[in-house]
N, C-alpha and C. Protein backbone atom coordinates (compact mmCIF):
# COMPACT_ATOMS: atom_id res chain seq x y z
N MET A 1 43.69 35.90 10.92
CA MET A 1 44.19 34.95 11.90
C MET A 1 44.88 35.72 13.03
N THR A 2 44.54 35.42 14.25
CA THR A 2 45.10 36.10 15.41
C THR A 2 46.32 35.35 15.92
N SER A 3 47.35 36.10 16.25
CA SER A 3 48.59 35.52 16.75
C SER A 3 48.44 35.16 18.23
N ASN A 4 49.03 34.05 18.62
CA ASN A 4 49.05 33.66 20.03
C ASN A 4 50.32 34.15 20.72
N LEU A 5 51.12 34.91 20.00
CA LEU A 5 52.36 35.42 20.57
C LEU A 5 52.07 36.59 21.50
N PRO A 6 52.96 36.82 22.49
CA PRO A 6 52.81 38.01 23.33
C PRO A 6 52.85 39.27 22.46
N ASN A 7 52.06 40.26 22.85
CA ASN A 7 52.03 41.54 22.15
C ASN A 7 52.86 42.55 22.94
N VAL A 8 53.95 43.00 22.36
CA VAL A 8 54.86 43.94 23.01
C VAL A 8 54.73 45.29 22.31
N THR A 9 54.53 46.33 23.11
CA THR A 9 54.43 47.69 22.58
C THR A 9 55.57 48.52 23.14
N LEU A 10 56.30 49.16 22.23
CA LEU A 10 57.37 50.08 22.61
C LEU A 10 56.86 51.49 22.36
N TYR A 11 56.65 52.25 23.44
CA TYR A 11 56.26 53.66 23.33
C TYR A 11 57.55 54.46 23.26
N THR A 12 57.68 55.27 22.22
CA THR A 12 58.94 55.89 21.89
C THR A 12 58.71 57.29 21.32
N ARG A 13 59.78 57.95 20.97
CA ARG A 13 59.71 59.21 20.22
C ARG A 13 60.98 59.36 19.40
N LYS A 14 60.89 60.15 18.35
CA LYS A 14 62.05 60.38 17.49
C LYS A 14 63.14 61.12 18.27
N GLY A 15 64.38 60.76 17.97
CA GLY A 15 65.52 61.44 18.58
C GLY A 15 65.84 61.01 19.99
N CYS A 16 65.23 59.95 20.46
CA CYS A 16 65.44 59.46 21.84
C CYS A 16 66.45 58.32 21.82
N CYS A 17 67.65 58.57 22.36
CA CYS A 17 68.69 57.52 22.33
C CYS A 17 68.32 56.34 23.23
N LEU A 18 67.64 56.59 24.35
CA LEU A 18 67.19 55.48 25.20
C LEU A 18 66.17 54.62 24.47
N CYS A 19 65.34 55.25 23.65
CA CYS A 19 64.34 54.53 22.86
C CYS A 19 65.02 53.61 21.84
N GLU A 20 66.04 54.13 21.19
CA GLU A 20 66.78 53.33 20.21
C GLU A 20 67.44 52.12 20.89
N GLU A 21 67.97 52.32 22.07
CA GLU A 21 68.59 51.21 22.81
C GLU A 21 67.54 50.18 23.22
N ALA A 22 66.39 50.64 23.67
CA ALA A 22 65.30 49.72 24.04
C ALA A 22 64.87 48.90 22.83
N LYS A 23 64.75 49.55 21.69
CA LYS A 23 64.37 48.84 20.47
C LYS A 23 65.42 47.80 20.10
N ARG A 24 66.69 48.15 20.22
CA ARG A 24 67.77 47.20 19.93
C ARG A 24 67.67 45.97 20.82
N VAL A 25 67.40 46.19 22.13
CA VAL A 25 67.26 45.07 23.08
C VAL A 25 66.06 44.20 22.71
N LEU A 26 64.94 44.83 22.36
CA LEU A 26 63.75 44.07 22.00
C LEU A 26 63.97 43.25 20.73
N LEU A 27 64.64 43.82 19.74
CA LEU A 27 64.90 43.07 18.52
C LEU A 27 65.85 41.90 18.78
N LEU A 28 66.81 42.09 19.65
CA LEU A 28 67.69 40.99 20.04
C LEU A 28 66.91 39.92 20.79
N ALA A 29 66.05 40.34 21.71
CA ALA A 29 65.24 39.38 22.48
C ALA A 29 64.34 38.57 21.55
N ARG A 30 63.87 39.20 20.49
CA ARG A 30 62.96 38.51 19.56
C ARG A 30 63.67 37.40 18.80
N THR A 31 65.00 37.42 18.74
CA THR A 31 65.73 36.32 18.11
C THR A 31 65.76 35.10 19.04
N ARG A 32 65.46 35.32 20.31
CA ARG A 32 65.48 34.22 21.30
C ARG A 32 64.08 33.72 21.63
N LYS A 33 63.10 34.62 21.60
CA LYS A 33 61.72 34.24 21.91
C LYS A 33 60.80 35.08 21.05
N PRO A 34 59.94 34.46 20.26
CA PRO A 34 59.09 35.23 19.35
C PRO A 34 58.01 36.03 20.09
N PHE A 35 57.73 37.21 19.58
CA PHE A 35 56.62 38.03 20.06
C PHE A 35 56.29 39.06 18.99
N ASP A 36 55.07 39.57 19.04
CA ASP A 36 54.67 40.64 18.14
C ASP A 36 55.14 41.96 18.72
N LEU A 37 55.72 42.80 17.89
CA LEU A 37 56.25 44.08 18.35
C LEU A 37 55.59 45.22 17.61
N GLU A 38 55.07 46.17 18.37
CA GLU A 38 54.49 47.39 17.81
C GLU A 38 55.25 48.57 18.40
N GLU A 39 55.68 49.47 17.54
CA GLU A 39 56.38 50.67 17.98
C GLU A 39 55.42 51.85 17.81
N VAL A 40 55.21 52.63 18.89
CA VAL A 40 54.26 53.73 18.88
C VAL A 40 54.98 55.02 19.25
N ASP A 41 54.91 56.00 18.36
CA ASP A 41 55.50 57.32 18.62
C ASP A 41 54.49 58.13 19.44
N ILE A 42 54.83 58.40 20.69
CA ILE A 42 53.89 59.08 21.59
C ILE A 42 53.60 60.51 21.15
N ASP A 43 54.49 61.10 20.39
CA ASP A 43 54.29 62.49 19.97
C ASP A 43 53.23 62.63 18.88
N LEU A 44 52.73 61.52 18.36
CA LEU A 44 51.67 61.56 17.36
C LEU A 44 50.29 61.44 17.99
N ASP A 45 50.22 61.32 19.32
CA ASP A 45 48.95 61.15 20.03
C ASP A 45 49.01 61.95 21.33
N LEU A 46 48.16 62.96 21.45
CA LEU A 46 48.21 63.85 22.62
C LEU A 46 48.01 63.09 23.94
N ALA A 47 47.14 62.11 23.96
CA ALA A 47 46.89 61.35 25.20
C ALA A 47 48.11 60.54 25.59
N LEU A 48 48.75 59.90 24.60
CA LEU A 48 49.96 59.11 24.90
C LEU A 48 51.10 60.02 25.33
N ARG A 49 51.22 61.17 24.68
CA ARG A 49 52.28 62.11 25.07
C ARG A 49 52.06 62.58 26.51
N ALA A 50 50.83 62.86 26.88
CA ALA A 50 50.53 63.28 28.25
C ALA A 50 50.86 62.17 29.25
N GLU A 51 50.58 60.94 28.86
CA GLU A 51 50.80 59.80 29.77
C GLU A 51 52.27 59.42 29.90
N TYR A 52 53.01 59.42 28.80
CA TYR A 52 54.36 58.86 28.78
C TYR A 52 55.47 59.87 28.53
N ASN A 53 55.17 61.15 28.47
CA ASN A 53 56.14 62.16 28.05
C ASN A 53 57.48 62.07 28.78
N GLU A 54 57.45 61.92 30.09
CA GLU A 54 58.68 61.90 30.89
C GLU A 54 59.21 60.49 31.13
N GLU A 55 58.59 59.48 30.53
CA GLU A 55 58.94 58.09 30.85
C GLU A 55 59.54 57.30 29.69
N VAL A 56 59.51 57.82 28.47
CA VAL A 56 59.95 57.01 27.33
C VAL A 56 61.43 56.65 27.43
N PRO A 57 61.78 55.49 26.97
CA PRO A 57 60.89 54.50 26.38
C PRO A 57 60.10 53.74 27.44
N VAL A 58 58.92 53.32 27.04
CA VAL A 58 58.08 52.47 27.88
C VAL A 58 57.80 51.20 27.09
N VAL A 59 57.91 50.06 27.77
CA VAL A 59 57.61 48.77 27.13
C VAL A 59 56.45 48.14 27.88
N ALA A 60 55.42 47.81 27.12
CA ALA A 60 54.25 47.12 27.68
C ALA A 60 54.15 45.74 27.03
N VAL A 61 53.77 44.75 27.82
CA VAL A 61 53.55 43.40 27.32
C VAL A 61 52.09 43.06 27.57
N ASN A 62 51.40 42.75 26.48
CA ASN A 62 49.97 42.47 26.54
C ASN A 62 49.21 43.57 27.29
N GLY A 63 49.59 44.82 27.02
CA GLY A 63 48.90 45.96 27.60
C GLY A 63 49.35 46.36 29.00
N ARG A 64 50.26 45.62 29.59
CA ARG A 64 50.74 45.90 30.94
C ARG A 64 52.12 46.55 30.89
N LYS A 65 52.22 47.76 31.41
CA LYS A 65 53.49 48.49 31.42
C LYS A 65 54.47 47.78 32.35
N LEU A 66 55.62 47.37 31.78
CA LEU A 66 56.60 46.62 32.56
C LEU A 66 57.94 47.33 32.70
N PHE A 67 58.31 48.13 31.72
CA PHE A 67 59.62 48.77 31.76
C PHE A 67 59.49 50.22 31.32
N GLN A 68 60.32 51.07 31.90
CA GLN A 68 60.47 52.43 31.41
C GLN A 68 61.93 52.80 31.52
N TYR A 69 62.37 53.69 30.65
CA TYR A 69 63.75 54.17 30.55
C TYR A 69 64.73 53.12 30.04
N GLU A 70 64.71 51.92 30.62
CA GLU A 70 65.71 50.90 30.28
C GLU A 70 65.06 49.52 30.28
N VAL A 71 65.50 48.70 29.33
CA VAL A 71 65.04 47.31 29.24
C VAL A 71 66.26 46.43 29.25
N ARG A 72 66.31 45.52 30.19
CA ARG A 72 67.41 44.53 30.22
C ARG A 72 66.88 43.24 29.62
N ILE A 73 67.65 42.68 28.74
CA ILE A 73 67.17 41.52 27.99
C ILE A 73 66.77 40.35 28.89
N ALA A 74 67.55 40.07 29.91
CA ALA A 74 67.24 38.95 30.81
C ALA A 74 65.92 39.18 31.52
N ASP A 75 65.69 40.41 32.01
CA ASP A 75 64.43 40.72 32.69
C ASP A 75 63.25 40.65 31.73
N PHE A 76 63.44 41.14 30.52
CA PHE A 76 62.38 41.11 29.53
C PHE A 76 62.01 39.67 29.19
N LEU A 77 63.00 38.84 28.92
CA LEU A 77 62.73 37.44 28.56
C LEU A 77 62.05 36.69 29.71
N LYS A 78 62.42 37.04 30.94
CA LYS A 78 61.78 36.41 32.09
C LYS A 78 60.30 36.78 32.14
N GLU A 79 59.97 38.01 31.81
CA GLU A 79 58.57 38.44 31.80
C GLU A 79 57.77 37.71 30.72
N LEU A 80 58.42 37.36 29.63
CA LEU A 80 57.72 36.65 28.56
C LEU A 80 57.54 35.16 28.84
N ALA A 81 58.37 34.63 29.74
CA ALA A 81 58.32 33.18 30.02
C ALA A 81 57.01 32.75 30.65
């Protein structure tokens, strides 16, 4: 069964404090509006590391990159509306 919820991808890496903060914001946002969340470690994929190395965290919604470095909950929820 396929979900009709927005698909949110958090591109991250281990040891990244900005990534941990972005994840915290996304988990809080998910208590207000449901969405599917996938967390992807860019260091496990050479192509992703090449693309996002200097930008993590990156948040994409339905495949569209919307945020990098910082995610504000109000802006994120507005994008999901």
